[in-house]
Amino acid sequence: MSDARTQPLEIRPLMISRILEVDWADGHTSRVSFERLRVECPCAECKGHSPAEAKTITGKEDVSISDVQPVGNYAIQIHFSDGHNTGIFTWEYLRFLDEEGAGA
């Protein structure tokens, strides 16, 4: 059974404001900045294979999204303007980034 909190209805990269909007089946709309998405990229290159290997990503204030590709029915792969494109952003992780950012 799917969870409406993590079922996207529409994904919109807003290029001028540099915000990725996601409309979820539960009626919530997430808004996550391109910078936050790039800095929090979940790939092994950025996060490492353990917490000790994680990199601190900085200087991404002006990064844009050049493409968004679906990955099965569970995620998207974001291609950033700095050439980085190895992160797979699951629906759960996108919702987490929005909710964590709202509390920060």
C-alpha atoms as a PDB file:
ATOM      1  CA  MET A   1       0.000   0.000   0.000  1.00  0.00           C
ATOM      2  CA  SER A   2       1.443   3.385  -0.957  1.00  0.00           C
ATOM      3  CA  ASP A   3       1.776   6.321   1.414  1.00  0.00           C
ATOM      4  CA  ALA A   4       0.172   9.553   0.119  1.00  0.00           C
ATOM      5  CA  ARG A   5       2.940  11.513   1.886  1.00  0.00           C
ATOM      6  CA  THR A   6       5.482  10.064  -0.545  1.00  0.00           C
ATOM      7  CA  GLN A   7       3.483   9.801  -3.763  1.00  0.00           C
ATOM      8  CA  PRO A   8       4.286  12.740  -6.026  1.00  0.00           C
ATOM      9  CA  LEU A   9       1.616  14.086  -8.339  1.00  0.00           C
ATOM     10  CA  GLU A  10       3.742  16.731 -10.062  1.00  0.00           C
ATOM     11  CA  ILE A  11       7.383  17.856  -9.944  1.00  0.00           C
ATOM     12  CA  ARG A  12       8.304  21.371 -11.076  1.00  0.00           C
ATOM     13  CA  PRO A  13      11.795  22.853 -11.185  1.00  0.00           C
ATOM     14  CA  LEU A  14      11.205  26.620 -10.953  1.00  0.00           C
ATOM     15  CA  MET A  15      14.225  28.057 -12.734  1.00  0.00           C
ATOM     16  CA  ILE A  16      13.917  31.723 -11.742  1.00  0.00           C
ATOM     17  CA  SER A  17      13.434  31.103  -8.011  1.00  0.00           C
ATOM     18  CA  ARG A  18      15.728  28.011  -8.049  1.00  0.00           C
ATOM     19  CA  ILE A  19      13.167  25.942  -6.157  1.00  0.00           C
ATOM     20  CA  LEU A  20      12.008  22.387  -6.836  1.00  0.00           C
ATOM     21  CA  GLU A  21       8.304  22.073  -6.072  1.00  0.00           C
ATOM     22  CA  VAL A  22       6.678  18.696  -5.537  1.00  0.00           C
ATOM     23  CA  ASP A  23       2.923  18.280  -5.162  1.00  0.00           C
ATOM     24  CA  TRP A  24       2.184  15.205  -3.045  1.00  0.00           C
ATOM     25  CA  ALA A  25      -0.932  13.031  -2.977  1.00  0.00           C
ATOM     26  CA  ASP A  26      -1.659  14.124   0.621  1.00  0.00           C
ATOM     27  CA  GLY A  27      -2.145  17.730  -0.559  1.00  0.00           C
ATOM     28  CA  HIS A  28       1.227  19.069   0.642  1.00  0.00           C
ATOM     29  CA  THR A  29       3.560  20.961  -1.695  1.00  0.00           C
ATOM     30  CA  SER A  30       7.264  20.661  -0.920  1.00  0.00           C
ATOM     31  CA  ARG A  31       9.609  23.490  -1.858  1.00  0.00           C
ATOM     32  CA  VAL A  32      13.322  22.687  -1.751  1.00  0.00           C
ATOM     33  CA  SER A  33      16.019  25.007  -3.087  1.00  0.00           C
ATOM     34  CA  PHE A  34      18.321  23.789  -5.843  1.00  0.00           C
ATOM     35  CA  GLU A  35      21.245  24.656  -3.561  1.00  0.00           C
ATOM     36  CA  ARG A  36      19.899  22.436  -0.766  1.00  0.00           C
ATOM     37  CA  LEU A  37      19.294  19.578  -3.199  1.00  0.00           C
ATOM     38  CA  ARG A  38      22.875  19.833  -4.502  1.00  0.00           C
ATOM     39  CA  VAL A  39      24.436  20.164  -1.043  1.00  0.00           C
ATOM     40  CA  GLU A  40      22.374  17.250   0.321  1.00  0.00           C
ATOM     41  CA  CYS A  41      22.882  14.993  -2.710  1.00  0.00           C
ATOM     42  CA  PRO A  42      22.591  11.406  -1.446  1.00  0.00           C
ATOM     43  CA  CYS A  43      25.172   9.864  -3.803  1.00  0.00           C
ATOM     44  CA  ALA A  44      28.229   7.985  -2.552  1.00  0.00           C
ATOM     45  CA  GLU A  45      30.535  10.650  -4.015  1.00  0.00           C
ATOM     46  CA  CYS A  46      28.960  13.277  -1.727  1.00  0.00           C
ATOM     47  CA  LYS A  47      27.815  11.267   1.289  1.00  0.00           C
ATOM     48  CA  GLY A  48      30.484   8.557   1.164  1.00  0.00           C
ATOM     49  CA  HIS A  49      29.923   4.963   2.154  1.00  0.00           C
ATOM     50  CA  SER A  50      30.020   5.911   5.841  1.00  0.00           C
ATOM     51  CA  PRO A  51      29.537   9.137   7.801  1.00  0.00           C
ATOM     52  CA  ALA A  52      33.319   9.497   8.100  1.00  0.00           C
ATOM     53  CA  GLU A  53      33.603   9.688   4.294  1.00  0.00           C
ATOM     54  CA  ALA A  54      30.929  12.379   3.819  1.00  0.00           C
ATOM     55  CA  LYS A  55      32.041  15.583   2.093  1.00  0.00           C
ATOM     56  CA  THR A  56      30.955  19.081   3.008  1.00  0.00           C
ATOM     57  CA  ILE A  57      29.613  20.586  -0.216  1.00  0.00           C
ATOM     58  CA  THR A  58      29.816  24.390  -0.444  1.00  0.00           C
ATOM     59  CA  GLY A  59      29.661  27.115  -3.073  1.00  0.00           C
ATOM     60  CA  LYS A  60      26.465  25.888  -4.723  1.00  0.00           C
ATOM     61  CA  GLU A  61      24.333  29.016  -4.223  1.00  0.00           C
ATOM     62  CA  ASP A  62      24.034  29.577  -7.992  1.00  0.00           C
ATOM     63  CA  VAL A  63      23.557  25.958  -9.086  1.00  0.00           C
ATOM     64  CA  SER A  64      20.627  25.219 -11.393  1.00  0.00           C
ATOM     65  CA  ILE A  65      18.896  22.053 -12.495  1.00  0.00           C
ATOM     66  CA  SER A  66      19.529  21.160 -16.114  1.00  0.00           C
ATOM     67  CA  ASP A  67      17.415  17.980 -16.201  1.00  0.00           C
ATOM     68  CA  VAL A  68      15.251  15.721 -14.057  1.00  0.00           C
ATOM     69  CA  GLN A  69      14.847  12.050 -15.003  1.00  0.00           C
ATOM     70  CA  PRO A  70      12.521   9.497 -13.408  1.00  0.00           C
ATOM     71  CA  VAL A  71      14.076   6.450 -11.759  1.00  0.00           C
ATOM     72  CA  GLY A  72      11.466   3.720 -11.739  1.00  0.00           C
ATOM     73  CA  ASN A  73       8.442   4.601  -9.636  1.00  0.00           C
ATOM     74  CA  TYR A  74      10.430   5.583  -6.570  1.00  0.00           C
ATOM     75  CA  ALA A  75      12.820   8.447  -7.330  1.00  0.00           C
ATOM     76  CA  ILE A  76      14.287  11.063  -9.643  1.00  0.00           C
ATOM     77  CA  GLN A  77      17.825  11.680 -10.819  1.00  0.00           C
ATOM     78  CA  ILE A  78      18.683  15.371 -10.881  1.00  0.00           C
ATOM     79  CA  HIS A  79      21.255  16.775 -13.306  1.00  0.00           C
ATOM     80  CA  PHE A  80      22.810  19.956 -11.916  1.00  0.00           C
ATOM     81  CA  SER A  81      24.428  22.800 -13.854  1.00  0.00           C
ATOM     82  CA  ASP A  82      27.803  22.061 -12.221  1.00  0.00           C
ATOM     83  CA  GLY A  83      27.871  18.688 -14.023  1.00  0.00           C
ATOM     84  CA  HIS A  84      26.915  16.597 -10.993  1.00  0.00           C
ATOM     85  CA  ASN A  85      24.224  13.994 -11.732  1.00  0.00           C
ATOM     86  CA  THR A  86      24.849  10.830  -9.730  1.00  0.00           C
ATOM     87  CA  GLY A  87      22.330  11.332  -6.924  1.00  0.00           C
ATOM     88  CA  ILE A  88      19.105   9.366  -6.814  1.00  0.00           C
ATOM     89  CA  PHE A  89      16.513  11.325  -4.823  1.00  0.00           C
ATOM     90  CA  THR A  90      13.823   8.960  -3.541  1.00  0.00           C
ATOM     91  CA  TRP A  91      10.358  10.300  -2.808  1.00  0.00           C
ATOM     92  CA  GLU A  92      10.993   9.729   0.909  1.00  0.00           C
ATOM     93  CA  TYR A  93      14.260  11.686   0.787  1.00  0.00           C
ATOM     94  CA  LEU A  94      12.682  14.621  -1.078  1.00  0.00           C
ATOM     95  CA  ARG A  95       9.931  14.828   1.519  1.00  0.00           C
ATOM     96  CA  PHE A  96      12.516  14.572   4.308  1.00  0.00           C
ATOM     97  CA  LEU A  97      14.567  17.457   2.843  1.00  0.00           C
ATOM     98  CA  ASP A  98      11.454  19.633   2.727  1.00  0.00           C
ATOM     99  CA  GLU A  99      10.329  18.829   6.266  1.00  0.00           C
ATOM    100  CA  GLU A 100      13.830  19.074   7.749  1.00  0.00           C
ATOM    101  CA  GLY A 101      14.362  22.414   6.009  1.00  0.00           C
ATOM    102  CA  ALA A 102      11.051  23.759   7.319  1.00  0.00           C
ATOM    103  CA  GLY A 103      12.193  23.191  10.871  1.00  0.00           C
ATOM    104  CA  ALA A 104      15.625  24.751  10.366  1.00  0.00           C
END
